[in-house]
Amino acid sequence: MADHFLDLAAPSPAPTAGINTEGLADFLRRFFAPLFLAVVSVVAIFFLFTREITRFVQFIILAIAIGVIFYVPNIIEVTAKAIAGALGIK
């Protein structure tokens, strides 16, 4: 019992500065990527069935551009660091 009180009396480690965002990009990629693919599939099928080929092509180009953000490794981190640097945040 005395050991327990000694453990409680010991100084606690200093809190870390800032928010720990380790693995945040991987979490977002795993969460949103399948959802993104499902939405792209449904909308693409809709455009094909309504025979709106021009809108279908525009949508596919946009979907590819957005898909690059999800599937290219480290692009989220690089973009976030670039935005933070442009805003003057270290």
Protein backbone atom coordinates (compact mmCIF):
# COMPACT_ATOMS: atom_id res chain seq x y z
CA MET A 1 0.00 0.00 0.00
CA ALA A 2 2.88 2.35 0.73
CA ASP A 3 4.24 1.69 -2.75
CA HIS A 4 0.95 2.82 -4.23
CA PHE A 5 1.13 6.13 -2.33
CA LEU A 6 4.72 6.62 -3.46
CA ASP A 7 3.65 6.11 -7.07
CA LEU A 8 0.92 8.73 -6.66
CA ALA A 9 3.37 11.19 -5.08
CA ALA A 10 5.92 10.82 -7.88
CA PRO A 11 5.98 13.68 -10.37
CA SER A 12 4.00 12.98 -13.49
CA PRO A 13 5.65 13.34 -16.88
CA ALA A 14 5.30 16.74 -18.51
CA PRO A 15 2.42 16.99 -20.97
CA THR A 16 3.42 17.04 -24.60
CA ALA A 17 3.12 20.32 -26.43
CA GLY A 18 0.42 20.44 -29.09
CA ILE A 19 -1.93 17.86 -30.46
CA ASN A 20 -0.63 14.45 -31.50
CA THR A 21 -1.68 13.98 -35.12
CA GLU A 22 0.40 10.87 -35.76
CA GLY A 23 -1.52 8.63 -38.13
CA LEU A 24 -4.29 11.15 -38.79
CA ALA A 25 -3.74 11.12 -42.55
CA ASP A 26 -3.85 7.31 -42.63
CA PHE A 27 -7.06 7.31 -40.61
CA LEU A 28 -8.67 9.84 -42.95
CA ARG A 29 -7.51 7.89 -45.99
CA ARG A 30 -8.93 4.60 -44.64
CA PHE A 31 -12.20 6.26 -43.62
CA PHE A 32 -12.98 8.45 -46.62
CA ALA A 33 -11.44 6.53 -49.53
CA PRO A 34 -14.06 3.73 -49.68
CA LEU A 35 -16.83 6.27 -49.20
CA PHE A 36 -15.35 8.35 -52.02
CA LEU A 37 -15.23 5.34 -54.35
CA ALA A 38 -18.84 4.45 -53.60
CA VAL A 39 -20.07 7.98 -54.31
CA VAL A 40 -18.02 8.22 -57.50
CA SER A 41 -19.44 4.90 -58.71
CA VAL A 42 -23.06 5.87 -58.06
CA VAL A 43 -22.74 9.28 -59.68
CA ALA A 44 -20.85 7.89 -62.68
CA ILE A 45 -23.54 5.25 -63.26
CA PHE A 46 -26.20 7.98 -63.02
CA PHE A 47 -24.45 10.06 -65.70
CA LEU A 48 -24.07 7.04 -67.95
CA PHE A 49 -27.73 6.03 -67.66
CA THR A 50 -28.92 9.56 -68.40
CA ARG A 51 -26.51 9.71 -71.36
CA GLU A 52 -24.87 12.92 -70.24
CA ILE A 53 -21.45 12.08 -71.63
CA THR A 54 -20.02 15.61 -71.27
CA ARG A 55 -20.90 15.78 -67.59
CA PHE A 56 -19.65 12.22 -67.14
CA VAL A 57 -16.23 13.15 -68.56
CA GLN A 58 -16.06 16.30 -66.41
CA PHE A 59 -17.00 14.29 -63.35
CA ILE A 60 -14.42 11.59 -64.04
CA ILE A 61 -11.66 14.20 -64.45
CA LEU A 62 -12.67 15.80 -61.15
CA ALA A 63 -12.91 12.39 -59.46
CA ILE A 64 -9.41 11.48 -60.62
CA ALA A 65 -8.03 14.76 -59.27
CA ILE A 66 -9.70 14.21 -55.90
CA GLY A 67 -8.70 10.52 -55.91
CA VAL A 68 -5.05 11.52 -56.18
CA ILE A 69 -5.40 13.27 -52.82
CA PHE A 70 -6.65 10.06 -51.19
CA TYR A 71 -4.35 7.52 -52.76
CA VAL A 72 -0.97 9.20 -53.35
CA PRO A 73 1.16 8.60 -50.27
CA ASN A 74 2.16 11.64 -48.20
CA ILE A 75 0.28 14.17 -50.35
CA ILE A 76 -2.00 15.10 -47.45
CA GLU A 77 0.97 15.70 -45.15
CA VAL A 78 2.87 17.71 -47.77
CA THR A 79 -0.20 19.82 -48.58
CA ALA A 80 -0.94 20.44 -44.89
CA LYS A 81 2.66 21.50 -44.23
CA ALA A 82 2.59 23.80 -47.26
CA ILE A 83 -0.65 25.45 -46.13
CA ALA A 84 0.66 25.81 -42.57
CA GLY A 85 3.88 27.31 -43.88
CA ALA A 86 1.97 29.76 -46.06
CA LEU A 87 -0.06 30.83 -43.03
CA GLY A 88 3.08 31.24 -40.92
CA ILE A 89 2.30 28.32 -38.60
CA LYS A 90 5.23 26.16 -37.54
